[in-house]
Amino acid sequence: MNEQQVIEAYDKQLPERVVERTCGNETPAPFSCKIYIYEGILRRGHPKLSVVFENVGGRWLVSQWL
């Protein structure tokens, strides 16, 4: 799932924050990641959703939902 598909899945709601950083620092191969942070999206009692993207071949694709 790419960035546009995530935004469409949440009724075109943009994330409250977008953080770009290095993920996997404790692994042999750290990588660039982008995190979309949605606040106020109710998800079984969890008011916050973080979607982690990894750059794969020049495209940002979802690697984790937190």
C-alpha atoms as a PDB file:
ATOM      1  CA  MET A   1       0.000   0.000   0.000  1.00  0.00           C
ATOM      2  CA  ASN A   2       1.448   3.378  -0.949  1.00  0.00           C
ATOM      3  CA  GLU A   3       0.970   6.853   0.554  1.00  0.00           C
ATOM      4  CA  GLN A   4      -1.990   7.815  -1.637  1.00  0.00           C
ATOM      5  CA  GLN A   5      -3.791   4.543  -0.892  1.00  0.00           C
ATOM      6  CA  VAL A   6      -3.426   5.129   2.864  1.00  0.00           C
ATOM      7  CA  ILE A   7      -4.863   8.646   2.564  1.00  0.00           C
ATOM      8  CA  GLU A   8      -7.782   7.324   0.480  1.00  0.00           C
ATOM      9  CA  ALA A   9      -8.410   4.526   2.990  1.00  0.00           C
ATOM     10  CA  TYR A  10      -8.986   7.163   5.682  1.00  0.00           C
ATOM     11  CA  ASP A  11     -11.499   9.192   3.658  1.00  0.00           C
ATOM     12  CA  LYS A  12      -8.755  11.430   2.236  1.00  0.00           C
ATOM     13  CA  GLN A  13      -7.819  12.598   5.740  1.00  0.00           C
ATOM     14  CA  LEU A  14      -4.249  13.867   5.844  1.00  0.00           C
ATOM     15  CA  PRO A  15      -2.107  12.859   8.821  1.00  0.00           C
ATOM     16  CA  GLU A  16      -1.628  15.362  11.649  1.00  0.00           C
ATOM     17  CA  ARG A  17       2.144  14.875  11.431  1.00  0.00           C
ATOM     18  CA  VAL A  18       4.663  13.306   9.055  1.00  0.00           C
ATOM     19  CA  VAL A  19       8.072  12.340  10.442  1.00  0.00           C
ATOM     20  CA  GLU A  20      11.023  11.284   8.300  1.00  0.00           C
ATOM     21  CA  ARG A  21      13.814   9.458  10.106  1.00  0.00           C
ATOM     22  CA  THR A  22      16.120   6.464  10.073  1.00  0.00           C
ATOM     23  CA  CYS A  23      14.470   3.237  11.228  1.00  0.00           C
ATOM     24  CA  GLY A  24      16.102  -0.037  12.175  1.00  0.00           C
ATOM     25  CA  ASN A  25      19.080   1.545  13.937  1.00  0.00           C
ATOM     26  CA  GLU A  26      19.604  -1.635  15.943  1.00  0.00           C
ATOM     27  CA  THR A  27      19.818  -3.813  12.829  1.00  0.00           C
ATOM     28  CA  PRO A  28      22.740  -4.361  10.460  1.00  0.00           C
ATOM     29  CA  ALA A  29      20.971  -2.327   7.747  1.00  0.00           C
ATOM     30  CA  PRO A  30      19.200   0.845   8.983  1.00  0.00           C
ATOM     31  CA  PHE A  31      16.864   2.408   6.416  1.00  0.00           C
ATOM     32  CA  SER A  32      15.025   5.653   5.737  1.00  0.00           C
ATOM     33  CA  CYS A  33      11.411   5.647   6.825  1.00  0.00           C
ATOM     34  CA  LYS A  34       8.470   8.017   6.869  1.00  0.00           C
ATOM     35  CA  ILE A  35       5.807   7.879   9.589  1.00  0.00           C
ATOM     36  CA  TYR A  36       2.287   9.225   9.160  1.00  0.00           C
ATOM     37  CA  ILE A  37       0.764  10.028  12.551  1.00  0.00           C
ATOM     38  CA  TYR A  38      -3.012  10.216  12.738  1.00  0.00           C
ATOM     39  CA  GLU A  39      -4.551  11.412  15.986  1.00  0.00           C
ATOM     40  CA  GLY A  40      -8.235  11.196  16.729  1.00  0.00           C
ATOM     41  CA  ILE A  41      -8.851   8.170  14.527  1.00  0.00           C
ATOM     42  CA  LEU A  42     -10.635   5.759  16.809  1.00  0.00           C
ATOM     43  CA  ARG A  43      -9.375   2.247  16.417  1.00  0.00           C
ATOM     44  CA  ARG A  44     -10.724  -0.088  19.090  1.00  0.00           C
ATOM     45  CA  GLY A  45     -10.066   2.425  21.838  1.00  0.00           C
ATOM     46  CA  HIS A  46      -6.696   3.594  20.507  1.00  0.00           C
ATOM     47  CA  PRO A  47      -6.934   7.279  19.551  1.00  0.00           C
ATOM     48  CA  LYS A  48      -3.600   7.355  17.686  1.00  0.00           C
ATOM     49  CA  LEU A  49      -2.460   5.500  14.570  1.00  0.00           C
ATOM     50  CA  SER A  50       1.071   5.517  13.147  1.00  0.00           C
ATOM     51  CA  VAL A  51       1.703   4.211   9.637  1.00  0.00           C
ATOM     52  CA  VAL A  52       5.359   3.464   8.870  1.00  0.00           C
ATOM     53  CA  PHE A  53       6.522   3.614   5.252  1.00  0.00           C
ATOM     54  CA  GLU A  54       9.756   2.244   3.818  1.00  0.00           C
ATOM     55  CA  ASN A  55      11.313   3.508   0.589  1.00  0.00           C
ATOM     56  CA  VAL A  56      11.270   0.547  -1.805  1.00  0.00           C
ATOM     57  CA  GLY A  57      12.624   1.253  -5.267  1.00  0.00           C
ATOM     58  CA  GLY A  58      11.844   4.956  -4.971  1.00  0.00           C
ATOM     59  CA  ARG A  59       8.263   4.380  -3.732  1.00  0.00           C
ATOM     60  CA  TRP A  60       7.094   4.820  -0.148  1.00  0.00           C
ATOM     61  CA  LEU A  61       5.255   1.613   0.825  1.00  0.00           C
ATOM     62  CA  VAL A  62       3.651   0.653   4.147  1.00  0.00           C
ATOM     63  CA  SER A  63       5.841  -1.591   6.262  1.00  0.00           C
ATOM     64  CA  GLN A  64       4.002  -1.347   9.620  1.00  0.00           C
ATOM     65  CA  TRP A  65       0.766  -0.168  11.208  1.00  0.00           C
ATOM     66  CA  LEU A  66       1.202   0.845  14.856  1.00  0.00           C
END
